[in-house]
Amino acid sequence: MLRNHPLAIALIMLVALLGLFELWCVVWWYLGVRELQGLKYQYQAITRTTSAMQALASDAIEYSRRAPAIDPILQQFDLKPRTTPEPVPPRPAPKP
């Protein structure tokens, strides 16, 4: 009886196609959420590492106030400004 109604067949096919499309959307959504979660973990790891490195740099700069021998290492990594000696003004040429 259902074979004789083309409208019923068309509607059943439409429902089946919509079901497949919905399945594709769910899989696509699942993969996107999983990737987003991985990116969140990476971001948290980078934030923790950055905070630790900033704390280490701050401690090293604080330590350099008591032990200036560490200054060349801090200057090498641009953690402390380089101290350049003031330019010596040129001496006037001797008069003959």
PDB file of N, CA and C in Angstrom:
ATOM      1  N   MET A   1       0.814  -1.191   0.000  1.00  0.00           N
ATOM      2  CA  MET A   1       0.000   0.000   0.000  1.00  0.00           C
ATOM      3  C   MET A   1       0.866   1.266   0.000  1.00  0.00           C
ATOM      4  N   LEU A   2       1.974   1.219   0.725  1.00  0.00           N
ATOM      5  CA  LEU A   2       2.847   2.383   0.788  1.00  0.00           C
ATOM      6  C   LEU A   2       3.619   2.552  -0.524  1.00  0.00           C
ATOM      7  N   ARG A   3       3.786   1.460  -1.248  1.00  0.00           N
ATOM      8  CA  ARG A   3       4.514   1.531  -2.508  1.00  0.00           C
ATOM      9  C   ARG A   3       3.748   2.311  -3.572  1.00  0.00           C
ATOM     10  N   ASN A   4       2.507   2.453  -3.368  1.00  0.00           N
ATOM     11  CA  ASN A   4       1.687   3.121  -4.370  1.00  0.00           C
ATOM     12  C   ASN A   4       1.570   4.623  -4.137  1.00  0.00           C
ATOM     13  N   HIS A   5       2.123   5.123  -3.039  1.00  0.00           N
ATOM     14  CA  HIS A   5       2.002   6.553  -2.749  1.00  0.00           C
ATOM     15  C   HIS A   5       3.377   7.228  -2.876  1.00  0.00           C
ATOM     16  N   PRO A   6       3.584   7.937  -3.973  1.00  0.00           N
ATOM     17  CA  PRO A   6       4.891   8.575  -4.174  1.00  0.00           C
ATOM     18  C   PRO A   6       5.157   9.674  -3.136  1.00  0.00           C
ATOM     19  N   LEU A   7       4.144  10.326  -2.648  1.00  0.00           N
ATOM     20  CA  LEU A   7       4.331  11.364  -1.643  1.00  0.00           C
ATOM     21  C   LEU A   7       4.852  10.763  -0.338  1.00  0.00           C
ATOM     22  N   ALA A   8       4.335   9.612   0.049  1.00  0.00           N
ATOM     23  CA  ALA A   8       4.796   8.945   1.269  1.00  0.00           C
ATOM     24  C   ALA A   8       6.248   8.518   1.125  1.00  0.00           C
ATOM     25  N   ILE A   9       6.600   8.003  -0.039  1.00  0.00           N
ATOM     26  CA  ILE A   9       7.987   7.594  -0.279  1.00  0.00           C
ATOM     27  C   ILE A   9       8.911   8.808  -0.222  1.00  0.00           C
ATOM     28  N   ALA A  10       8.491   9.912  -0.833  1.00  0.00           N
ATOM     29  CA  ALA A  10       9.292  11.133  -0.825  1.00  0.00           C
ATOM     30  C   ALA A  10       9.475  11.651   0.605  1.00  0.00           C
ATOM     31  N   LEU A  11       8.425  11.605   1.402  1.00  0.00           N
ATOM     32  CA  LEU A  11       8.533  12.081   2.780  1.00  0.00           C
ATOM     33  C   LEU A  11       9.445  11.176   3.612  1.00  0.00           C
ATOM     34  N   ILE A  12       9.378   9.878   3.402  1.00  0.00           N
ATOM     35  CA  ILE A  12      10.256   8.952   4.119  1.00  0.00           C
ATOM     36  C   ILE A  12      11.716   9.191   3.718  1.00  0.00           C
ATOM     37  N   MET A  13      11.957   9.405   2.440  1.00  0.00           N
ATOM     38  CA  MET A  13      13.315   9.705   1.976  1.00  0.00           C
ATOM     39  C   MET A  13      13.816  11.027   2.566  1.00  0.00           C
ATOM     40  N   LEU A  14      12.937  12.013   2.638  1.00  0.00           N
ATOM     41  CA  LEU A  14      13.308  13.301   3.218  1.00  0.00           C
ATOM     42  C   LEU A  14      13.680  13.140   4.684  1.00  0.00           C
ATOM     43  N   VAL A  15      12.912  12.387   5.427  1.00  0.00           N
ATOM     44  CA  VAL A  15      13.217  12.140   6.846  1.00  0.00           C
ATOM     45  C   VAL A  15      14.557  11.407   6.973  1.00  0.00           C
ATOM     46  N   ALA A  16      14.808  10.432   6.105  1.00  0.00           N
ATOM     47  CA  ALA A  16      16.071   9.693   6.155  1.00  0.00           C
ATOM     48  C   ALA A  16      17.256  10.603   5.849  1.00  0.00           C
ATOM     49  N   LEU A  17      17.115  11.462   4.834  1.00  0.00           N
ATOM     50  CA  LEU A  17      18.191  12.397   4.494  1.00  0.00           C
ATOM     51  C   LEU A  17      18.425  13.402   5.614  1.00  0.00           C
ATOM     52  N   LEU A  18      17.353  13.896   6.220  1.00  0.00           N
ATOM     53  CA  LEU A  18      17.508  14.816   7.347  1.00  0.00           C
ATOM     54  C   LEU A  18      18.200  14.131   8.526  1.00  0.00           C
ATOM     55  N   GLY A  19      17.895  12.856   8.743  1.00  0.00           N
ATOM     56  CA  GLY A  19      18.564  12.096   9.803  1.00  0.00           C
ATOM     57  C   GLY A  19      20.061  11.964   9.541  1.00  0.00           C
ATOM     58  N   LEU A  20      20.436  11.680   8.285  1.00  0.00           N
ATOM     59  CA  LEU A  20      21.856  11.599   7.939  1.00  0.00           C
ATOM     60  C   LEU A  20      22.555  12.944   8.094  1.00  0.00           C
ATOM     61  N   PHE A  21      21.863  14.001   7.670  1.00  0.00           N
ATOM     62  CA  PHE A  21      22.425  15.341   7.821  1.00  0.00           C
ATOM     63  C   PHE A  21      22.623  15.671   9.297  1.00  0.00           C
ATOM     64  N   GLU A  22      21.676  15.330  10.127  1.00  0.00           N
ATOM     65  CA  GLU A  22      21.770  15.586  11.571  1.00  0.00           C
ATOM     66  C   GLU A  22      22.925  14.791  12.174  1.00  0.00           C
ATOM     67  N   LEU A  23      23.103  13.559  11.723  1.00  0.00           N
ATOM     68  CA  LEU A  23      24.220  12.745  12.201  1.00  0.00           C
ATOM     69  C   LEU A  23      25.556  13.387  11.829  1.00  0.00           C
ATOM     70  N   TRP A  24      25.658  13.898  10.609  1.00  0.00           N
ATOM     71  CA  TRP A  24      26.868  14.583  10.171  1.00  0.00           C
ATOM     72  C   TRP A  24      27.123  15.816  11.032  1.00  0.00           C
ATOM     73  N   CYS A  25      26.081  16.583  11.347  1.00  0.00           N
ATOM     74  CA  CYS A  25      26.227  17.775  12.192  1.00  0.00           C
ATOM     75  C   CYS A  25      26.699  17.407  13.599  1.00  0.00           C
ATOM     76  N   VAL A  26      26.173  16.329  14.150  1.00  0.00           N
ATOM     77  CA  VAL A  26      26.568  15.906  15.495  1.00  0.00           C
ATOM     78  C   VAL A  26      28.032  15.485  15.510  1.00  0.00           C
ATOM     79  N   VAL A  27      28.461  14.731  14.514  1.00  0.00           N
ATOM     80  CA  VAL A  27      29.865  14.309  14.451  1.00  0.00           C
ATOM     81  C   VAL A  27      30.772  15.522  14.302  1.00  0.00           C
ATOM     82  N   TRP A  28      30.408  16.439  13.438  1.00  0.00           N
ATOM     83  CA  TRP A  28      31.185  17.664  13.226  1.00  0.00           C
ATOM     84  C   TRP A  28      31.272  18.465  14.527  1.00  0.00           C
ATOM     85  N   TRP A  29      30.167  18.596  15.234  1.00  0.00           N
ATOM     86  CA  TRP A  29      30.139  19.322  16.509  1.00  0.00           C
ATOM     87  C   TRP A  29      31.025  18.632  17.540  1.00  0.00           C
ATOM     88  N   TYR A  30      30.924  17.315  17.644  1.00  0.00           N
ATOM     89  CA  TYR A  30      31.721  16.548  18.609  1.00  0.00           C
ATOM     90  C   TYR A  30      33.219  16.745  18.355  1.00  0.00           C
ATOM     91  N   LEU A  31      33.628  16.650  17.103  1.00  0.00           N
ATOM     92  CA  LEU A  31      35.047  16.825  16.788  1.00  0.00           C
ATOM     93  C   LEU A  31      35.511  18.246  17.099  1.00  0.00           C
ATOM     94  N   GLY A  32      34.693  19.232  16.847  1.00  0.00           N
ATOM     95  CA  GLY A  32      35.043  20.613  17.154  1.00  0.00           C
ATOM     96  C   GLY A  32      35.175  20.847  18.650  1.00  0.00           C
ATOM     97  N   VAL A  33      34.265  20.290  19.424  1.00  0.00           N
ATOM     98  CA  VAL A  33      34.323  20.458  20.884  1.00  0.00           C
ATOM     99  C   VAL A  33      35.551  19.761  21.440  1.00  0.00           C
ATOM    100  N   ARG A  34      35.882  18.605  20.900  1.00  0.00           N
ATOM    101  CA  ARG A  34      37.071  17.879  21.364  1.00  0.00           C
ATOM    102  C   ARG A  34      38.339  18.674  21.057  1.00  0.00           C
ATOM    103  N   GLU A  35      38.412  19.276  19.884  1.00  0.00           N
ATOM    104  CA  GLU A  35      39.568  20.103  19.531  1.00  0.00           C
ATOM    105  C   GLU A  35      39.638  21.337  20.420  1.00  0.00           C
ATOM    106  N   LEU A  36      38.501  21.950  20.698  1.00  0.00           N
ATOM    107  CA  LEU A  36      38.468  23.119  21.569  1.00  0.00           C
ATOM    108  C   LEU A  36      38.966  22.773  22.966  1.00  0.00           C
ATOM    109  N   GLN A  37      38.583  21.615  23.467  1.00  0.00           N
ATOM    110  CA  GLN A  37      39.031  21.197  24.790  1.00  0.00           C
ATOM    111  C   GLN A  37      40.549  21.016  24.805  1.00  0.00           C
ATOM    112  N   GLY A  38      41.096  20.430  23.760  1.00  0.00           N
ATOM    113  CA  GLY A  38      42.548  20.281  23.657  1.00  0.00           C
ATOM    114  C   GLY A  38      43.250  21.623  23.622  1.00  0.00           C
ATOM    115  N   LEU A  39      42.676  22.574  22.899  1.00  0.00           N
ATOM    116  CA  LEU A  39      43.266  23.910  22.840  1.00  0.00           C
ATOM    117  C   LEU A  39      43.203  24.613  24.190  1.00  0.00           C
ATOM    118  N   LYS A  40      42.131  24.377  24.948  1.00  0.00           N
ATOM    119  CA  LYS A  40      42.033  24.966  26.283  1.00  0.00           C
ATOM    120  C   LYS A  40      43.132  24.426  27.187  1.00  0.00           C
ATOM    121  N   TYR A  41      43.399  23.125  27.116  1.00  0.00           N
ATOM    122  CA  TYR A  41      44.473  22.538  27.924  1.00  0.00           C
ATOM    123  C   TYR A  41      45.829  23.117  27.534  1.00  0.00           C
ATOM    124  N   GLN A  42      46.066  23.297  26.244  1.00  0.00           N
ATOM    125  CA  GLN A  42      47.319  23.894  25.792  1.00  0.00           C
ATOM    126  C   GLN A  42      47.439  25.332  26.291  1.00  0.00           C
ATOM    127  N   TYR A  43      46.351  26.093  26.228  1.00  0.00           N
ATOM    128  CA  TYR A  43      46.369  27.477  26.691  1.00  0.00           C
ATOM    129  C   TYR A  43      46.674  27.542  28.189  1.00  0.00           C
ATOM    130  N   GLN A  44      46.070  26.638  28.958  1.00  0.00           N
ATOM    131  CA  GLN A  44      46.334  26.623  30.398  1.00  0.00           C
ATOM    132  C   GLN A  44      47.790  26.272  30.679  1.00  0.00           C
ATOM    133  N   ALA A  45      48.353  25.349  29.939  1.00  0.00           N
ATOM    134  CA  ALA A  45      49.757  24.982  30.126  1.00  0.00           C
ATOM    135  C   ALA A  45      50.672  26.149  29.781  1.00  0.00           C
ATOM    136  N   ILE A  46      50.366  26.853  28.705  1.00  0.00           N
ATOM    137  CA  ILE A  46      51.175  28.010  28.312  1.00  0.00           C
ATOM    138  C   ILE A  46      51.062  29.106  29.360  1.00  0.00           C
ATOM    139  N   THR A  47      49.872  29.324  29.894  1.00  0.00           N
ATOM    140  CA  THR A  47      49.686  30.345  30.927  1.00  0.00           C
ATOM    141  C   THR A  47      50.475  29.993  32.179  1.00  0.00           C
ATOM    142  N   ARG A  48      50.439  28.722  32.588  1.00  0.00           N
ATOM    143  CA  ARG A  48      51.214  28.302  33.770  1.00  0.00           C
ATOM    144  C   ARG A  48      52.699  28.490  33.533  1.00  0.00           C
ATOM    145  N   THR A  49      53.179  28.110  32.359  1.00  0.00           N
ATOM    146  CA  THR A  49      54.598  28.246  32.044  1.00  0.00           C
ATOM    147  C   THR A  49      55.012  29.715  32.022  1.00  0.00           C
ATOM    148  N   THR A  50      54.182  30.555  31.420  1.00  0.00           N
ATOM    149  CA  THR A  50      54.485  31.982  31.364  1.00  0.00           C
ATOM    150  C   THR A  50      54.546  32.578  32.765  1.00  0.00           C
ATOM    151  N   SER A  51      53.607  32.225  33.613  1.00  0.00           N
ATOM    152  CA  SER A  51      53.602  32.740  34.983  1.00  0.00           C
ATOM    153  C   SER A  51      54.848  32.292  35.738  1.00  0.00           C
ATOM    154  N   ALA A  52      55.226  31.043  35.563  1.00  0.00           N
ATOM    155  CA  ALA A  52      56.423  30.533  36.236  1.00  0.00           C
ATOM    156  C   ALA A  52      57.676  31.246  35.749  1.00  0.00           C
ATOM    157  N   MET A  53      57.762  31.481  34.449  1.00  0.00           N
ATOM    158  CA  MET A  53      58.939  32.169  33.900  1.00  0.00           C
ATOM    159  C   MET A  53      58.995  33.622  34.370  1.00  0.00           C
ATOM    160  N   GLN A  54      57.850  34.293  34.450  1.00  0.00           N
ATOM    161  CA  GLN A  54      57.840  35.665  34.946  1.00  0.00           C
ATOM    162  C   GLN A  54      58.245  35.719  36.408  1.00  0.00           C
ATOM    163  N   ALA A  55      57.793  34.761  37.200  1.00  0.00           N
ATOM    164  CA  ALA A  55      58.184  34.713  38.605  1.00  0.00           C
ATOM    165  C   ALA A  55      59.683  34.454  38.734  1.00  0.00           C
ATOM    166  N   LEU A  56      60.226  33.568  37.923  1.00  0.00           N
ATOM    167  CA  LEU A  56      61.649  33.285  37.946  1.00  0.00           C
ATOM    168  C   LEU A  56      62.459  34.519  37.549  1.00  0.00           C
ATOM    169  N   ALA A  57      62.004  35.233  36.531  1.00  0.00           N
ATOM    170  CA  ALA A  57      62.705  36.448  36.102  1.00  0.00           C
ATOM    171  C   ALA A  57      62.651  37.519  37.196  1.00  0.00           C
ATOM    172  N   SER A  58      61.517  37.662  37.839  1.00  0.00           N
ATOM    173  CA  SER A  58      61.399  38.643  38.925  1.00  0.00           C
ATOM    174  C   SER A  58      62.327  38.281  40.077  1.00  0.00           C
ATOM    175  N   ASP A  59      62.397  37.004  40.416  1.00  0.00           N
ATOM    176  CA  ASP A  59      63.300  36.569  41.479  1.00  0.00           C
ATOM    177  C   ASP A  59      64.756  36.820  41.111  1.00  0.00           C
ATOM    178  N   ALA A  60      65.099  36.579  39.857  1.00  0.00           N
ATOM    179  CA  ALA A  60      66.479  36.801  39.413  1.00  0.00           C
ATOM    180  C   ALA A  60      66.828  38.285  39.462  1.00  0.00           C
ATOM    181  N   ILE A  61      65.903  39.133  39.078  1.00  0.00           N
ATOM    182  CA  ILE A  61      66.167  40.584  39.128  1.00  0.00           C
ATOM    183  C   ILE A  61      66.303  41.036  40.574  1.00  0.00           C
ATOM    184  N   GLU A  62      65.469  40.514  41.451  1.00  0.00           N
ATOM    185  CA  GLU A  62      65.567  40.851  42.869  1.00  0.00           C
ATOM    186  C   GLU A  62      66.904  40.366  43.440  1.00  0.00           C
ATOM    187  N   TYR A  63      67.319  39.175  43.040  1.00  0.00           N
ATOM    188  CA  TYR A  63      68.589  38.634  43.514  1.00  0.00           C
ATOM    189  C   TYR A  63      69.762  39.471  43.003  1.00  0.00           C
ATOM    190  N   SER A  64      69.627  40.032  41.815  1.00  0.00           N
ATOM    191  CA  SER A  64      70.731  40.815  41.245  1.00  0.00           C
ATOM    192  C   SER A  64      70.990  42.088  42.046  1.00  0.00           C
ATOM    193  N   ARG A  65      70.029  42.532  42.846  1.00  0.00           N
ATOM    194  CA  ARG A  65      70.271  43.711  43.689  1.00  0.00           C
ATOM    195  C   ARG A  65      71.269  43.373  44.796  1.00  0.00           C
ATOM    196  N   ARG A  66      71.274  42.113  45.245  1.00  0.00           N
ATOM    197  CA  ARG A  66      72.206  41.689  46.295  1.00  0.00           C
ATOM    198  C   ARG A  66      73.495  41.117  45.709  1.00  0.00           C
ATOM    199  N   ALA A  67      73.417  40.570  44.536  1.00  0.00           N
ATOM    200  CA  ALA A  67      74.591  39.947  43.904  1.00  0.00           C
ATOM    201  C   ALA A  67      74.691  40.426  42.469  1.00  0.00           C
ATOM    202  N   PRO A  68      75.362  41.562  42.239  1.00  0.00           N
ATOM    203  CA  PRO A  68      75.426  42.122  40.875  1.00  0.00           C
ATOM    204  C   PRO A  68      76.212  41.267  39.883  1.00  0.00           C
ATOM    205  N   ALA A  69      76.816  40.193  40.321  1.00  0.00           N
ATOM    206  CA  ALA A  69      77.563  39.343  39.387  1.00  0.00           C
ATOM    207  C   ALA A  69      76.636  38.646  38.394  1.00  0.00           C
ATOM    208  N   ILE A  70      75.364  38.592  38.689  1.00  0.00           N
ATOM    209  CA  ILE A  70      74.393  37.941  37.798  1.00  0.00           C
ATOM    210  C   ILE A  70      73.914  38.887  36.691  1.00  0.00           C
ATOM    211  N   ASP A  71      74.270  40.161  36.790  1.00  0.00           N
ATOM    212  CA  ASP A  71      73.801  41.153  35.813  1.00  0.00           C
ATOM    213  C   ASP A  71      74.125  40.804  34.359  1.00  0.00           C
ATOM    214  N   PRO A  72      75.327  40.318  34.030  1.00  0.00           N
ATOM    215  CA  PRO A  72      75.582  39.996  32.608  1.00  0.00           C
ATOM    216  C   PRO A  72      74.615  38.945  32.052  1.00  0.00           C
ATOM    217  N   ILE A  73      74.228  37.984  32.880  1.00  0.00           N
ATOM    218  CA  ILE A  73      73.285  36.966  32.409  1.00  0.00           C
ATOM    219  C   ILE A  73      71.911  37.588  32.185  1.00  0.00           C
ATOM    220  N   LEU A  74      71.483  38.444  33.102  1.00  0.00           N
ATOM    221  CA  LEU A  74      70.184  39.105  32.955  1.00  0.00           C
ATOM    222  C   LEU A  74      70.179  40.029  31.744  1.00  0.00           C
ATOM    223  N   GLN A  75      71.309  40.696  31.501  1.00  0.00           N
ATOM    224  CA  GLN A  75      71.388  41.592  30.341  1.00  0.00           C
ATOM    225  C   GLN A  75      71.410  40.794  29.043  1.00  0.00           C
ATOM    226  N   GLN A  76      72.000  39.610  29.088  1.00  0.00           N
ATOM    227  CA  GLN A  76      72.045  38.763  27.894  1.00  0.00           C
ATOM    228  C   GLN A  76      70.641  38.386  27.435  1.00  0.00           C
ATOM    229  N   PHE A  77      69.719  38.171  28.373  1.00  0.00           N
ATOM    230  CA  PHE A  77      68.354  37.792  28.034  1.00  0.00           C
ATOM    231  C   PHE A  77      67.391  38.976  28.114  1.00  0.00           C
ATOM    232  N   ASP A  78      67.901  40.185  28.127  1.00  0.00           N
ATOM    233  CA  ASP A  78      67.117  41.433  28.142  1.00  0.00           C
ATOM    234  C   ASP A  78      66.147  41.497  29.319  1.00  0.00           C
ATOM    235  N   LEU A  79      66.564  40.967  30.463  1.00  0.00           N
ATOM    236  CA  LEU A  79      65.745  41.074  31.667  1.00  0.00           C
ATOM    237  C   LEU A  79      66.112  42.317  32.462  1.00  0.00           C
ATOM    238  N   LYS A  80      67.292  42.834  32.194  1.00  0.00           N
ATOM    239  CA  LYS A  80      67.757  44.037  32.870  1.00  0.00           C
ATOM    240  C   LYS A  80      68.413  44.913  31.814  1.00  0.00           C
ATOM    241  N   PRO A  81      68.171  46.214  31.870  1.00  0.00           N
ATOM    242  CA  PRO A  81      68.763  47.077  30.833  1.00  0.00           C
ATOM    243  C   PRO A  81      70.291  47.079  30.939  1.00  0.00           C
ATOM    244  N   ARG A  82      70.898  47.195  29.798  1.00  0.00           N
ATOM    245  CA  ARG A  82      72.358  47.231  29.766  1.00  0.00           C
ATOM    246  C   ARG A  82      72.838  48.582  30.294  1.00  0.00           C
ATOM    247  N   THR A  83      73.857  48.508  31.088  1.00  0.00           N
ATOM    248  CA  THR A  83      74.442  49.749  31.608  1.00  0.00           C
ATOM    249  C   THR A  83      75.612  50.104  30.722  1.00  0.00           C
ATOM    250  N   THR A  84      75.446  51.149  29.966  1.00  0.00           N
ATOM    251  CA  THR A  84      76.519  51.608  29.083  1.00  0.00           C
ATOM    252  C   THR A  84      77.201  52.783  29.760  1.00  0.00           C
ATOM    253  N   PRO A  85      78.488  52.787  29.731  1.00  0.00           N
ATOM    254  CA  PRO A  85      79.185  53.922  30.343  1.00  0.00           C
ATOM    255  C   PRO A  85      78.891  55.201  29.571  1.00  0.00           C
ATOM    256  N   GLU A  86      78.903  56.290  30.292  1.00  0.00           N
ATOM    257  CA  GLU A  86      78.650  57.578  29.633  1.00  0.00           C
ATOM    258  C   GLU A  86      79.771  57.855  28.652  1.00  0.00           C
ATOM    259  N   PRO A  87      79.428  58.397  27.483  1.00  0.00           N
ATOM    260  CA  PRO A  87      80.477  58.667  26.494  1.00  0.00           C
ATOM    261  C   PRO A  87      81.438  59.737  27.014  1.00  0.00           C
ATOM    262  N   VAL A  88      82.701  59.456  26.796  1.00  0.00           N
ATOM    263  CA  VAL A  88      83.735  60.410  27.214  1.00  0.00           C
ATOM    264  C   VAL A  88      83.849  61.474  26.137  1.00  0.00           C
ATOM    265  N   PRO A  89      83.747  62.740  26.543  1.00  0.00           N
ATOM    266  CA  PRO A  89      83.878  63.786  25.506  1.00  0.00           C
ATOM    267  C   PRO A  89      85.292  63.769  24.935  1.00  0.00           C
ATOM    268  N   PRO A  90      85.403  64.008  23.635  1.00  0.00           N
ATOM    269  CA  PRO A  90      86.729  63.989  23.020  1.00  0.00           C
ATOM    270  C   PRO A  90      87.609  65.120  23.567  1.00  0.00           C
ATOM    271  N   ARG A  91      88.864  64.802  23.721  1.00  0.00           N
ATOM    272  CA  ARG A  91      89.811  65.828  24.204  1.00  0.00           C
ATOM    273  C   ARG A  91      90.133  66.768  23.064  1.00  0.00           C
ATOM    274  N   PRO A  92      90.326  68.005  23.422  1.00  0.00           N
ATOM    275  CA  PRO A  92      90.711  68.934  22.340  1.00  0.00           C
ATOM    276  C   PRO A  92      92.122  68.589  21.833  1.00  0.00           C
ATOM    277  N   ALA A  93      92.285  68.785  20.566  1.00  0.00           N
ATOM    278  CA  ALA A  93      93.582  68.481  19.943  1.00  0.00           C
ATOM    279  C   ALA A  93      94.640  69.412  20.521  1.00  0.00           C
ATOM    280  N   PRO A  94      95.829  68.864  20.773  1.00  0.00           N
ATOM    281  CA  PRO A  94      96.905  69.743  21.299  1.00  0.00           C
ATOM    282  C   PRO A  94      97.268  70.808  20.281  1.00  0.00           C
ATOM    283  N   LYS A  95      97.534  71.977  20.797  1.00  0.00           N
ATOM    284  CA  LYS A  95      97.899  73.109  19.897  1.00  0.00           C
ATOM    285  C   LYS A  95      99.388  73.025  19.577  1.00  0.00           C
ATOM    286  N   PRO A  96      99.736  73.274  18.354  1.00  0.00           N
ATOM    287  CA  PRO A  96     101.159  73.191  17.953  1.00  0.00           C
ATOM    288  C   PRO A  96     101.976  74.340  18.412  1.00  0.00           C
TER     289      PRO A  96
END
